[in-house]
Amino acid sequence: NVIVQLRASNGDAAGPQLDLPQDVTVAQLETLLNSLLNNEERLPYSFFLNDVELADELGQHMLKHKVSVEAALEITYQPQATFRVRPVSRCSASMPGHAEAVLSTAFSPDGKRLATGSGDTTVRFWDLNTCTPSQTMQGHKNWVLCVQWSPDGKYLVSGSKDGQILVWDAQSTALKGQCKGHSKWITSLAWEPAHLRLPARRFLSGSQDKSLRVWDAVTQQCLFSMSSHSLAVSCVRWGGDGLLYSASKDTTINVWDSQGGKLVRSLKGHGHWVNTLALSSECVLRTGAHDHHGHAPAGTEAAMKAAEERYKIAVGGRPERLVSGADDFTMFL
């Protein structure tokens, strides 16, 4: 056996001197050092004897480099770089402000602002730098179930449990008007994609009253309505190829023409009500002309062209894909 003292590169000793066998390996030294340092997770280390890195058993290294054992061996250790994927388990900020449950959240297309809807009947804009409310908008009389930004970031629409839809100016936070027509609560909202029309004006709503409506955000008028479902509409999406999609508790998914509301086809197969829909191009449809830095061209034509290019890249020359999830424990693609 040999007497060994483990030291950090700055000279600090890691525990007392140790009586180790000559056939001790680097892996065993690493285990021993992690134990001496009380590391919760095992960390990798390199070990050096007389400035030469240990690669073999200690005895073989001593024989190869003619190391004397008349005195205790000073073995220096150095931590190696570790690369880990950090788990999403850390809360970066707590954002109090609402007086009741938060029921809906949405980031703006440029990713710099946040809107929320709550059971306290308010819509709030948040300052993401200070994590405090920047504006509190009042106008709803019941729970705010959904909020949705226009793809150019100029409007925010919010829907509540009493069937009310409010249109807000996202810059001034002023109430632009109210969209009246639904008789029961609003379950979902979706805007027309930026590459199809800018400035953004039209948006789609789905309701518990079994109907869908397309609205003009500027005039707050209903352009046309669709009512083929026999039960509540649970989710709506506005596709990039000009089609509207609606999921319902009647187990069907309906596809509509966005110009006049004509029923194009009905997708059947689920055995229970359909809860959610998602499009493969959803990210670029929501963000429009904004790139990954949150920047968008200033002009309308340039913005539409940028949005169209982003959409074409997202679909990759293939048709959009739609996925549905239902209470029958299945997803259909």
C-alpha atoms as a PDB file:
ATOM      1  CA  ASN A   1       0.000   0.000   0.000  1.00  0.00           C
ATOM      2  CA  VAL A   2       0.966   3.662  -0.395  1.00  0.00           C
ATOM      3  CA  ILE A   3       0.119   6.751   1.617  1.00  0.00           C
ATOM      4  CA  VAL A   4      -1.775   9.320  -0.480  1.00  0.00           C
ATOM      5  CA  GLN A   5      -2.898  12.882   0.153  1.00  0.00           C
ATOM      6  CA  LEU A   6      -5.548  14.249  -2.222  1.00  0.00           C
ATOM      7  CA  ARG A   7      -5.311  17.985  -2.821  1.00  0.00           C
ATOM      8  CA  ALA A   8      -7.171  20.516  -4.917  1.00  0.00           C
ATOM      9  CA  SER A   9      -5.254  22.573  -7.484  1.00  0.00           C
ATOM     10  CA  ASN A  10      -5.101  25.447  -4.968  1.00  0.00           C
ATOM     11  CA  GLY A  11      -3.369  23.194  -2.427  1.00  0.00           C
ATOM     12  CA  ASP A  12      -6.308  22.509  -0.081  1.00  0.00           C
ATOM     13  CA  ALA A  13      -6.335  18.967   1.298  1.00  0.00           C
ATOM     14  CA  ALA A  14      -9.397  16.806   0.717  1.00  0.00           C
ATOM     15  CA  GLY A  15      -9.635  14.888   3.944  1.00  0.00           C
ATOM     16  CA  PRO A  16      -6.800  13.102   5.793  1.00  0.00           C
ATOM     17  CA  GLN A  17      -3.969  11.052   4.320  1.00  0.00           C
ATOM     18  CA  LEU A  18      -5.167   7.708   2.975  1.00  0.00           C
ATOM     19  CA  ASP A  19      -3.601   4.253   2.939  1.00  0.00           C
ATOM     20  CA  LEU A  20      -4.472   2.955  -0.542  1.00  0.00           C
ATOM     21  CA  PRO A  21      -3.537  -0.196  -2.445  1.00  0.00           C
ATOM     22  CA  GLN A  22      -1.311   0.240  -5.481  1.00  0.00           C
ATOM     23  CA  ASP A  23      -3.965  -1.207  -7.825  1.00  0.00           C
ATOM     24  CA  VAL A  24      -6.441   1.612  -7.090  1.00  0.00           C
ATOM     25  CA  THR A  25      -7.960   2.962 -10.330  1.00  0.00           C
ATOM     26  CA  VAL A  26      -8.932   6.457 -11.445  1.00  0.00           C
ATOM     27  CA  ALA A  27     -12.612   5.549 -11.167  1.00  0.00           C
ATOM     28  CA  GLN A  28     -12.110   4.383  -7.588  1.00  0.00           C
ATOM     29  CA  LEU A  29     -10.218   7.572  -6.735  1.00  0.00           C
ATOM     30  CA  GLU A  30     -13.108   9.565  -8.210  1.00  0.00           C
ATOM     31  CA  THR A  31     -15.649   7.701  -6.064  1.00  0.00           C
ATOM     32  CA  LEU A  32     -13.498   8.212  -2.982  1.00  0.00           C
ATOM     33  CA  LEU A  33     -13.070  11.950  -3.666  1.00  0.00           C
ATOM     34  CA  ASN A  34     -16.817  12.504  -4.210  1.00  0.00           C
ATOM     35  CA  SER A  35     -17.397  10.841  -0.847  1.00  0.00           C
ATOM     36  CA  LEU A  36     -14.762  12.978   0.890  1.00  0.00           C
ATOM     37  CA  LEU A  37     -16.237  16.175  -0.613  1.00  0.00           C
ATOM     38  CA  ASN A  38     -19.831  15.138   0.238  1.00  0.00           C
ATOM     39  CA  ASN A  39     -21.013  15.781  -3.314  1.00  0.00           C
ATOM     40  CA  GLU A  40     -24.731  15.138  -3.726  1.00  0.00           C
ATOM     41  CA  GLU A  41     -24.175  14.215  -7.373  1.00  0.00           C
ATOM     42  CA  ARG A  42     -21.171  12.309  -8.591  1.00  0.00           C
ATOM     43  CA  LEU A  43     -18.810  14.691 -10.431  1.00  0.00           C
ATOM     44  CA  PRO A  44     -15.968  13.711 -12.782  1.00  0.00           C
ATOM     45  CA  TYR A  45     -12.369  14.517 -11.805  1.00  0.00           C
ATOM     46  CA  SER A  46      -8.878  14.230 -13.285  1.00  0.00           C
ATOM     47  CA  PHE A  47      -5.952  13.233 -11.061  1.00  0.00           C
ATOM     48  CA  PHE A  48      -2.295  14.282 -11.393  1.00  0.00           C
ATOM     49  CA  LEU A  49       0.833  12.913  -9.745  1.00  0.00           C
ATOM     50  CA  ASN A  50       3.927  15.116 -10.187  1.00  0.00           C
ATOM     51  CA  ASP A  51       2.020  17.077 -12.874  1.00  0.00           C
ATOM     52  CA  VAL A  52       1.399  13.919 -14.911  1.00  0.00           C
ATOM     53  CA  GLU A  53      -2.219  12.769 -15.301  1.00  0.00           C
ATOM     54  CA  LEU A  54      -3.148   9.383 -13.923  1.00  0.00           C
ATOM     55  CA  ALA A  55      -4.417   7.127 -16.698  1.00  0.00           C
ATOM     56  CA  ASP A  56      -3.667   3.660 -15.304  1.00  0.00           C
ATOM     57  CA  GLU A  57      -3.705   2.022 -11.907  1.00  0.00           C
ATOM     58  CA  LEU A  58      -1.682   3.971  -9.357  1.00  0.00           C
ATOM     59  CA  GLY A  59       1.038   1.288  -9.061  1.00  0.00           C
ATOM     60  CA  GLN A  60       1.530   1.054 -12.839  1.00  0.00           C
ATOM     61  CA  HIS A  61       1.760   4.848 -13.071  1.00  0.00           C
ATOM     62  CA  MET A  62       4.374   4.926 -10.277  1.00  0.00           C
ATOM     63  CA  LEU A  63       6.435   2.198 -11.940  1.00  0.00           C
ATOM     64  CA  LYS A  64       6.200   3.846 -15.365  1.00  0.00           C
ATOM     65  CA  HIS A  65       7.259   7.282 -14.122  1.00  0.00           C
ATOM     66  CA  LYS A  66       9.625   6.024 -11.352  1.00  0.00           C
ATOM     67  CA  VAL A  67       7.795   7.709  -8.497  1.00  0.00           C
ATOM     68  CA  SER A  68       9.325   7.305  -5.032  1.00  0.00           C
ATOM     69  CA  VAL A  69       7.124   6.079  -2.166  1.00  0.00           C
ATOM     70  CA  GLU A  70       9.465   7.203   0.621  1.00  0.00           C
ATOM     71  CA  ALA A  71       7.091  10.122   1.346  1.00  0.00           C
ATOM     72  CA  ALA A  72       3.348  10.463   1.099  1.00  0.00           C
ATOM     73  CA  LEU A  73       2.181  10.892  -2.501  1.00  0.00           C
ATOM     74  CA  GLU A  74       0.585  14.269  -3.285  1.00  0.00           C
ATOM     75  CA  ILE A  75      -2.149  13.628  -5.848  1.00  0.00           C
ATOM     76  CA  THR A  76      -3.784  16.764  -7.257  1.00  0.00           C
ATOM     77  CA  TYR A  77      -7.350  16.611  -8.539  1.00  0.00           C
ATOM     78  CA  GLN A  78      -9.163  18.900 -10.957  1.00  0.00           C
ATOM     79  CA  PRO A  79     -12.890  18.894 -11.736  1.00  0.00           C
ATOM     80  CA  GLN A  80     -13.841  18.134 -15.319  1.00  0.00           C
ATOM     81  CA  ALA A  81     -16.491  20.045 -17.264  1.00  0.00           C
ATOM     82  CA  THR A  82     -19.989  18.611 -16.967  1.00  0.00           C
ATOM     83  CA  PHE A  83     -22.795  19.081 -19.459  1.00  0.00           C
ATOM     84  CA  ARG A  84     -26.319  18.540 -18.236  1.00  0.00           C
ATOM     85  CA  VAL A  85     -29.852  19.296 -19.352  1.00  0.00           C
ATOM     86  CA  ARG A  86     -31.335  21.317 -16.537  1.00  0.00           C
ATOM     87  CA  PRO A  87     -34.829  20.083 -15.610  1.00  0.00           C
ATOM     88  CA  VAL A  88     -37.718  22.538 -15.853  1.00  0.00           C
ATOM     89  CA  SER A  89     -38.349  22.549 -12.144  1.00  0.00           C
ATOM     90  CA  ARG A  90     -37.375  26.057 -11.106  1.00  0.00           C
ATOM     91  CA  CYS A  91     -39.818  28.947 -10.833  1.00  0.00           C
ATOM     92  CA  SER A  92     -38.099  32.057 -12.179  1.00  0.00           C
ATOM     93  CA  ALA A  93     -40.740  34.489 -10.919  1.00  0.00           C
ATOM     94  CA  SER A  94     -44.041  34.639  -9.093  1.00  0.00           C
ATOM     95  CA  MET A  95     -46.586  37.039 -10.606  1.00  0.00           C
ATOM     96  CA  PRO A  96     -49.412  37.837  -8.184  1.00  0.00           C
ATOM     97  CA  GLY A  97     -52.134  40.305  -9.104  1.00  0.00           C
ATOM     98  CA  HIS A  98     -55.366  38.550 -10.013  1.00  0.00           C
ATOM     99  CA  ALA A  99     -57.946  38.199  -7.256  1.00  0.00           C
ATOM    100  CA  GLU A 100     -59.366  34.901  -8.581  1.00  0.00           C
ATOM    101  CA  ALA A 101     -58.163  31.901 -10.597  1.00  0.00           C
ATOM    102  CA  VAL A 102     -56.139  32.614 -13.737  1.00  0.00           C
ATOM    103  CA  LEU A 103     -58.040  30.914 -16.580  1.00  0.00           C
ATOM    104  CA  SER A 104     -56.167  31.944 -19.726  1.00  0.00           C
ATOM    105  CA  THR A 105     -52.712  33.177 -20.716  1.00  0.00           C
ATOM    106  CA  ALA A 106     -51.159  34.283 -24.015  1.00  0.00           C
ATOM    107  CA  PHE A 107     -47.803  35.738 -25.065  1.00  0.00           C
ATOM    108  CA  SER A 108     -47.825  38.472 -27.696  1.00  0.00           C
ATOM    109  CA  PRO A 109     -46.514  37.564 -31.188  1.00  0.00           C
ATOM    110  CA  ASP A 110     -43.176  39.243 -30.473  1.00  0.00           C
ATOM    111  CA  GLY A 111     -42.896  37.383 -27.144  1.00  0.00           C
ATOM    112  CA  LYS A 112     -42.358  40.599 -25.187  1.00  0.00           C
ATOM    113  CA  ARG A 113     -45.772  40.954 -23.548  1.00  0.00           C
ATOM    114  CA  LEU A 114     -48.160  38.709 -21.681  1.00  0.00           C
ATOM    115  CA  ALA A 115     -51.941  38.850 -21.375  1.00  0.00           C
ATOM    116  CA  THR A 116     -54.049  36.939 -18.880  1.00  0.00           C
ATOM    117  CA  GLY A 117     -57.737  36.411 -18.192  1.00  0.00           C
ATOM    118  CA  SER A 118     -59.117  35.587 -14.777  1.00  0.00           C
ATOM    119  CA  GLY A 119     -62.127  34.607 -12.742  1.00  0.00           C
ATOM    120  CA  ASP A 120     -61.986  38.115 -11.252  1.00  0.00           C
ATOM    121  CA  THR A 121     -63.454  39.279 -14.640  1.00  0.00           C
ATOM    122  CA  THR A 122     -60.355  41.309 -15.577  1.00  0.00           C
ATOM    123  CA  VAL A 123     -57.830  41.113 -18.399  1.00  0.00           C
ATOM    124  CA  ARG A 124     -54.275  42.067 -17.470  1.00  0.00           C
ATOM    125  CA  PHE A 125     -51.154  43.012 -19.411  1.00  0.00           C
ATOM    126  CA  TRP A 126     -47.901  42.179 -17.646  1.00  0.00           C
ATOM    127  CA  ASP A 127     -44.432  43.724 -17.624  1.00  0.00           C
ATOM    128  CA  LEU A 128     -42.184  40.692 -18.073  1.00  0.00           C
ATOM    129  CA  ASN A 129     -39.116  42.565 -16.798  1.00  0.00           C
ATOM    130  CA  THR A 130     -40.611  43.394 -13.402  1.00  0.00           C
ATOM    131  CA  CYS A 131     -43.229  40.575 -13.404  1.00  0.00           C
ATOM    132  CA  THR A 132     -45.915  43.046 -12.354  1.00  0.00           C
ATOM    133  CA  PRO A 133     -49.203  44.040 -14.037  1.00  0.00           C
ATOM    134  CA  SER A 134     -48.729  46.948 -16.429  1.00  0.00           C
ATOM    135  CA  GLN A 135     -52.448  47.389 -17.169  1.00  0.00           C
ATOM    136  CA  THR A 136     -55.685  46.014 -15.751  1.00  0.00           C
ATOM    137  CA  MET A 137     -58.642  46.143 -18.133  1.00  0.00           C
ATOM    138  CA  GLN A 138     -62.171  45.917 -16.830  1.00  0.00           C
ATOM    139  CA  GLY A 139     -65.213  45.296 -18.972  1.00  0.00           C
ATOM    140  CA  HIS A 140     -66.208  41.678 -18.583  1.00  0.00           C
ATOM    141  CA  LYS A 141     -68.943  40.712 -16.159  1.00  0.00           C
ATOM    142  CA  ASN A 142     -68.005  37.056 -15.794  1.00  0.00           C
ATOM    143  CA  TRP A 143     -64.978  34.764 -15.893  1.00  0.00           C
ATOM    144  CA  VAL A 144     -62.538  35.505 -18.721  1.00  0.00           C
ATOM    145  CA  LEU A 145     -62.043  32.067 -20.267  1.00  0.00           C
ATOM    146  CA  CYS A 146     -59.790  32.844 -23.240  1.00  0.00           C
ATOM    147  CA  VAL A 147     -57.524  35.601 -24.581  1.00  0.00           C
ATOM    148  CA  GLN A 148     -55.893  35.770 -28.025  1.00  0.00           C
ATOM    149  CA  TRP A 149     -53.507  38.260 -29.683  1.00  0.00           C
ATOM    150  CA  SER A 150     -53.796  39.241 -33.325  1.00  0.00           C
ATOM    151  CA  PRO A 151     -50.745  38.073 -35.327  1.00  0.00           C
ATOM    152  CA  ASP A 152     -49.604  41.668 -35.866  1.00  0.00           C
ATOM    153  CA  GLY A 153     -49.874  42.390 -32.118  1.00  0.00           C
ATOM    154  CA  LYS A 154     -52.306  45.295 -32.539  1.00  0.00           C
ATOM    155  CA  TYR A 155     -55.394  43.718 -30.981  1.00  0.00           C
ATOM    156  CA  LEU A 156     -56.253  41.417 -28.126  1.00  0.00           C
ATOM    157  CA  VAL A 157     -59.637  39.689 -27.947  1.00  0.00           C
ATOM    158  CA  SER A 158     -61.030  38.130 -24.793  1.00  0.00           C
ATOM    159  CA  GLY A 159     -64.014  35.846 -24.293  1.00  0.00           C
ATOM    160  CA  SER A 160     -65.961  35.269 -21.089  1.00  0.00           C
ATOM    161  CA  LYS A 161     -68.379  32.827 -19.549  1.00  0.00           C
ATOM    162  CA  ASP A 162     -71.421  34.997 -20.319  1.00  0.00           C
ATOM    163  CA  GLY A 163     -70.768  34.837 -24.098  1.00  0.00           C
ATOM    164  CA  GLN A 164     -69.219  38.294 -24.269  1.00  0.00           C
ATOM    165  CA  ILE A 165     -66.239  39.010 -26.553  1.00  0.00           C
ATOM    166  CA  LEU A 166     -64.294  42.234 -26.031  1.00  0.00           C
ATOM    167  CA  VAL A 167     -61.785  43.739 -28.460  1.00  0.00           C
ATOM    168  CA  TRP A 168     -58.862  45.661 -26.925  1.00  0.00           C
ATOM    169  CA  ASP A 169     -56.256  47.933 -28.477  1.00  0.00           C
ATOM    170  CA  ALA A 170     -53.035  46.184 -27.492  1.00  0.00           C
ATOM    171  CA  GLN A 171     -51.009  49.412 -27.640  1.00  0.00           C
ATOM    172  CA  SER A 172     -53.224  51.785 -25.654  1.00  0.00           C
ATOM    173  CA  THR A 173     -55.137  48.988 -23.821  1.00  0.00           C
ATOM    174  CA  ALA A 174     -58.343  50.880 -24.647  1.00  0.00           C
ATOM    175  CA  LEU A 175     -61.562  48.931 -25.161  1.00  0.00           C
ATOM    176  CA  LYS A 176     -62.414  49.090 -28.869  1.00  0.00           C
ATOM    177  CA  GLY A 177     -65.812  47.440 -28.612  1.00  0.00           C
ATOM    178  CA  GLN A 178     -67.920  44.390 -27.868  1.00  0.00           C
ATOM    179  CA  CYS A 179     -68.888  41.527 -30.186  1.00  0.00           C
ATOM    180  CA  LYS A 180     -72.437  40.382 -29.447  1.00  0.00           C
ATOM    181  CA  GLY A 181     -73.989  37.203 -30.777  1.00  0.00           C
ATOM    182  CA  HIS A 182     -73.098  34.169 -28.681  1.00  0.00           C
ATOM    183  CA  SER A 183     -75.619  33.112 -26.043  1.00  0.00           C
ATOM    184  CA  LYS A 184     -73.318  30.935 -23.929  1.00  0.00           C
ATOM    185  CA  TRP A 185     -69.721  31.041 -22.817  1.00  0.00           C
ATOM    186  CA  ILE A 186     -66.816  31.459 -25.244  1.00  0.00           C
ATOM    187  CA  THR A 187     -64.629  28.362 -25.357  1.00  0.00           C
ATOM    188  CA  SER A 188     -61.976  29.288 -27.928  1.00  0.00           C
ATOM    189  CA  LEU A 189     -60.666  32.128 -30.139  1.00  0.00           C
ATOM    190  CA  ALA A 190     -58.419  32.157 -33.222  1.00  0.00           C
ATOM    191  CA  TRP A 191     -57.156  34.897 -35.572  1.00  0.00           C
ATOM    192  CA  GLU A 192     -56.797  34.862 -39.342  1.00  0.00           C
ATOM    193  CA  PRO A 193     -53.075  34.257 -40.150  1.00  0.00           C
ATOM    194  CA  ALA A 194     -50.910  37.236 -41.092  1.00  0.00           C
ATOM    195  CA  HIS A 195     -49.841  35.834 -44.468  1.00  0.00           C
ATOM    196  CA  LEU A 196     -53.516  35.756 -45.543  1.00  0.00           C
ATOM    197  CA  ARG A 197     -54.439  39.282 -44.419  1.00  0.00           C
ATOM    198  CA  LEU A 198     -52.787  42.292 -42.832  1.00  0.00           C
ATOM    199  CA  PRO A 199     -53.591  44.424 -40.948  1.00  0.00           C
ATOM    200  CA  ALA A 200     -55.307  41.730 -38.895  1.00  0.00           C
ATOM    201  CA  ARG A 201     -59.095  42.160 -38.745  1.00  0.00           C
ATOM    202  CA  ARG A 202     -60.912  38.832 -38.757  1.00  0.00           C
ATOM    203  CA  PHE A 203     -61.038  36.334 -35.925  1.00  0.00           C
ATOM    204  CA  LEU A 204     -62.998  33.169 -35.138  1.00  0.00           C
ATOM    205  CA  SER A 205     -64.870  32.278 -31.958  1.00  0.00           C
ATOM    206  CA  GLY A 206     -66.340  29.012 -30.691  1.00  0.00           C
ATOM    207  CA  SER A 207     -68.991  28.780 -28.012  1.00  0.00           C
ATOM    208  CA  GLN A 208     -70.909  26.512 -25.717  1.00  0.00           C
ATOM    209  CA  ASP A 209     -73.998  27.504 -27.755  1.00  0.00           C
ATOM    210  CA  LYS A 210     -72.802  25.027 -30.502  1.00  0.00           C
ATOM    211  CA  SER A 211     -71.971  27.785 -32.996  1.00  0.00           C
ATOM    212  CA  LEU A 212     -68.918  29.441 -34.528  1.00  0.00           C
ATOM    213  CA  ARG A 213     -68.698  33.051 -35.655  1.00  0.00           C
ATOM    214  CA  VAL A 214     -66.239  35.060 -37.724  1.00  0.00           C
ATOM    215  CA  TRP A 215     -65.911  38.683 -36.581  1.00  0.00           C
ATOM    216  CA  ASP A 216     -64.453  41.941 -37.840  1.00  0.00           C
ATOM    217  CA  ALA A 217     -62.296  43.320 -35.014  1.00  0.00           C
ATOM    218  CA  VAL A 218     -62.510  46.881 -36.331  1.00  0.00           C
ATOM    219  CA  THR A 219     -66.317  47.105 -36.579  1.00  0.00           C
ATOM    220  CA  GLN A 220     -67.045  44.359 -34.007  1.00  0.00           C
ATOM    221  CA  GLN A 221     -69.631  42.978 -36.444  1.00  0.00           C
ATOM    222  CA  CYS A 222     -70.315  39.286 -37.093  1.00  0.00           C
ATOM    223  CA  LEU A 223     -69.420  38.537 -40.714  1.00  0.00           C
ATOM    224  CA  PHE A 224     -71.010  35.075 -40.758  1.00  0.00           C
ATOM    225  CA  SER A 225     -71.834  32.234 -38.403  1.00  0.00           C
ATOM    226  CA  MET A 226     -71.632  28.425 -38.644  1.00  0.00           C
ATOM    227  CA  SER A 227     -73.821  25.995 -36.743  1.00  0.00           C
ATOM    228  CA  SER A 228     -73.512  22.352 -37.729  1.00  0.00           C
ATOM    229  CA  HIS A 229     -72.431  20.887 -34.388  1.00  0.00           C
ATOM    230  CA  SER A 230     -75.062  19.270 -32.194  1.00  0.00           C
ATOM    231  CA  LEU A 231     -73.163  19.927 -28.949  1.00  0.00           C
ATOM    232  CA  ALA A 232     -70.817  22.574 -27.567  1.00  0.00           C
ATOM    233  CA  VAL A 233     -67.799  23.725 -29.577  1.00  0.00           C
ATOM    234  CA  SER A 234     -64.705  23.042 -27.485  1.00  0.00           C
ATOM    235  CA  CYS A 235     -61.844  24.338 -29.663  1.00  0.00           C
ATOM    236  CA  VAL A 236     -61.309  26.329 -32.889  1.00  0.00           C
ATOM    237  CA  ARG A 237     -58.290  26.895 -35.148  1.00  0.00           C
ATOM    238  CA  TRP A 238     -57.735  29.083 -38.238  1.00  0.00           C
ATOM    239  CA  GLY A 239     -55.472  27.240 -40.662  1.00  0.00           C
ATOM    240  CA  GLY A 240     -52.824  28.720 -42.889  1.00  0.00           C
ATOM    241  CA  ASP A 241     -54.449  27.425 -46.082  1.00  0.00           C
ATOM    242  CA  GLY A 242     -57.716  29.305 -45.504  1.00  0.00           C
ATOM    243  CA  LEU A 243     -59.673  26.613 -43.661  1.00  0.00           C
ATOM    244  CA  LEU A 244     -61.357  26.844 -40.275  1.00  0.00           C
ATOM    245  CA  TYR A 245     -61.381  23.907 -37.865  1.00  0.00           C
ATOM    246  CA  SER A 246     -63.798  23.289 -34.998  1.00  0.00           C
ATOM    247  CA  ALA A 247     -63.881  20.491 -32.432  1.00  0.00           C
ATOM    248  CA  SER A 248     -67.021  19.638 -30.518  1.00  0.00           C
ATOM    249  CA  LYS A 249     -68.428  17.527 -27.742  1.00  0.00           C
ATOM    250  CA  ASP A 250     -70.513  15.785 -30.433  1.00  0.00           C
ATOM    251  CA  THR A 251     -67.264  13.824 -31.209  1.00  0.00           C
ATOM    252  CA  THR A 252     -66.763  15.459 -34.639  1.00  0.00           C
ATOM    253  CA  ILE A 253     -64.279  17.888 -36.135  1.00  0.00           C
ATOM    254  CA  ASN A 254     -65.701  20.170 -38.807  1.00  0.00           C
ATOM    255  CA  VAL A 255     -63.695  21.890 -41.528  1.00  0.00           C
ATOM    256  CA  TRP A 256     -65.084  25.161 -42.920  1.00  0.00           C
ATOM    257  CA  ASP A 257     -64.312  27.590 -45.729  1.00  0.00           C
ATOM    258  CA  SER A 258     -63.060  30.869 -44.235  1.00  0.00           C
ATOM    259  CA  GLN A 259     -64.611  33.045 -46.938  1.00  0.00           C
ATOM    260  CA  GLY A 260     -68.277  32.255 -46.421  1.00  0.00           C
ATOM    261  CA  GLY A 261     -68.477  29.619 -43.700  1.00  0.00           C
ATOM    262  CA  LYS A 262     -69.400  26.717 -45.985  1.00  0.00           C
ATOM    263  CA  LEU A 263     -68.921  23.271 -44.431  1.00  0.00           C
ATOM    264  CA  VAL A 264     -66.125  21.558 -46.372  1.00  0.00           C
ATOM    265  CA  ARG A 265     -66.008  18.235 -44.561  1.00  0.00           C
ATOM    266  CA  SER A 266     -66.716  16.580 -41.232  1.00  0.00           C
ATOM    267  CA  LEU A 267     -64.025  14.403 -39.639  1.00  0.00           C
ATOM    268  CA  LYS A 268     -65.402  11.512 -37.600  1.00  0.00           C
ATOM    269  CA  GLY A 269     -63.744   8.760 -35.628  1.00  0.00           C
ATOM    270  CA  HIS A 270     -63.514   9.789 -31.988  1.00  0.00           C
ATOM    271  CA  GLY A 271     -65.750   7.907 -29.581  1.00  0.00           C
ATOM    272  CA  HIS A 272     -66.136  10.736 -27.080  1.00  0.00           C
ATOM    273  CA  TRP A 273     -66.096  14.511 -27.110  1.00  0.00           C
ATOM    274  CA  VAL A 274     -63.108  16.218 -28.724  1.00  0.00           C
ATOM    275  CA  ASN A 275     -61.291  18.541 -26.321  1.00  0.00           C
ATOM    276  CA  THR A 276     -58.400  20.074 -28.225  1.00  0.00           C
ATOM    277  CA  LEU A 277     -56.905  20.756 -31.658  1.00  0.00           C
ATOM    278  CA  ALA A 278     -53.424  21.735 -32.794  1.00  0.00           C
ATOM    279  CA  LEU A 279     -51.929  22.558 -36.189  1.00  0.00           C
ATOM    280  CA  SER A 280     -48.381  21.700 -37.235  1.00  0.00           C
ATOM    281  CA  SER A 281     -47.911  25.322 -38.358  1.00  0.00           C
ATOM    282  CA  GLU A 282     -49.383  26.826 -35.186  1.00  0.00           C
ATOM    283  CA  CYS A 283     -46.213  28.602 -34.050  1.00  0.00           C
ATOM    284  CA  VAL A 284     -45.792  30.687 -37.222  1.00  0.00           C
ATOM    285  CA  LEU A 285     -49.543  31.287 -37.503  1.00  0.00           C
ATOM    286  CA  ARG A 286     -49.543  32.823 -34.029  1.00  0.00           C
ATOM    287  CA  THR A 287     -46.378  34.908 -34.441  1.00  0.00           C
ATOM    288  CA  GLY A 288     -47.006  36.042 -38.026  1.00  0.00           C
ATOM    289  CA  ALA A 289     -44.145  38.086 -39.480  1.00  0.00           C
ATOM    290  CA  HIS A 290     -42.182  38.221 -36.206  1.00  0.00           C
ATOM    291  CA  ASP A 291     -38.894  36.336 -36.302  1.00  0.00           C
ATOM    292  CA  HIS A 292     -37.201  34.561 -33.394  1.00  0.00           C
ATOM    293  CA  HIS A 293     -35.884  37.926 -32.151  1.00  0.00           C
ATOM    294  CA  GLY A 294     -39.404  39.375 -32.050  1.00  0.00           C
ATOM    295  CA  HIS A 295     -38.782  41.698 -35.008  1.00  0.00           C
ATOM    296  CA  ALA A 296     -41.165  42.177 -37.946  1.00  0.00           C
ATOM    297  CA  PRO A 297     -40.922  44.303 -41.136  1.00  0.00           C
ATOM    298  CA  ALA A 298     -42.563  47.708 -40.833  1.00  0.00           C
ATOM    299  CA  GLY A 299     -44.599  47.771 -44.043  1.00  0.00           C
ATOM    300  CA  THR A 300     -47.771  45.754 -44.584  1.00  0.00           C
ATOM    301  CA  GLU A 301     -46.605  44.127 -47.816  1.00  0.00           C
ATOM    302  CA  ALA A 302     -43.189  43.292 -46.386  1.00  0.00           C
ATOM    303  CA  ALA A 303     -44.785  41.859 -43.241  1.00  0.00           C
ATOM    304  CA  MET A 304     -47.184  39.674 -45.251  1.00  0.00           C
ATOM    305  CA  LYS A 305     -44.303  38.432 -47.409  1.00  0.00           C
ATOM    306  CA  ALA A 306     -42.218  37.621 -44.323  1.00  0.00           C
ATOM    307  CA  ALA A 307     -45.156  35.812 -42.733  1.00  0.00           C
ATOM    308  CA  GLU A 308     -45.730  33.814 -45.920  1.00  0.00           C
ATOM    309  CA  GLU A 309     -42.071  32.804 -46.110  1.00  0.00           C
ATOM    310  CA  ARG A 310     -42.119  31.669 -42.476  1.00  0.00           C
ATOM    311  CA  TYR A 311     -45.308  29.688 -43.134  1.00  0.00           C
ATOM    312  CA  LYS A 312     -43.836  27.948 -46.198  1.00  0.00           C
ATOM    313  CA  ILE A 313     -40.740  26.975 -44.235  1.00  0.00           C
ATOM    314  CA  ALA A 314     -42.908  25.626 -41.407  1.00  0.00           C
ATOM    315  CA  VAL A 315     -45.029  23.374 -43.641  1.00  0.00           C
ATOM    316  CA  GLY A 316     -42.062  22.373 -45.810  1.00  0.00           C
ATOM    317  CA  GLY A 317     -44.094  21.984 -48.964  1.00  0.00           C
ATOM    318  CA  ARG A 318     -46.495  19.543 -47.324  1.00  0.00           C
ATOM    319  CA  PRO A 319     -50.117  20.037 -46.256  1.00  0.00           C
ATOM    320  CA  GLU A 320     -50.786  21.285 -42.753  1.00  0.00           C
ATOM    321  CA  ARG A 321     -51.293  18.525 -40.214  1.00  0.00           C
ATOM    322  CA  LEU A 322     -54.061  18.630 -37.638  1.00  0.00           C
ATOM    323  CA  VAL A 323     -54.060  16.640 -34.412  1.00  0.00           C
ATOM    324  CA  SER A 324     -57.084  16.177 -32.160  1.00  0.00           C
ATOM    325  CA  GLY A 325     -57.348  14.905 -28.597  1.00  0.00           C
ATOM    326  CA  ALA A 326     -60.509  13.498 -27.084  1.00  0.00           C
ATOM    327  CA  ASP A 327     -62.034  12.006 -23.975  1.00  0.00           C
ATOM    328  CA  ASP A 328     -61.743   8.538 -25.552  1.00  0.00           C
ATOM    329  CA  PHE A 329     -58.019   8.648 -24.586  1.00  0.00           C
ATOM    330  CA  THR A 330     -56.935   8.908 -28.257  1.00  0.00           C
ATOM    331  CA  MET A 331     -55.349  11.427 -30.589  1.00  0.00           C
ATOM    332  CA  PHE A 332     -56.120  11.464 -34.304  1.00  0.00           C
ATOM    333  CA  LEU A 333     -53.684  12.965 -36.829  1.00  0.00           C
END
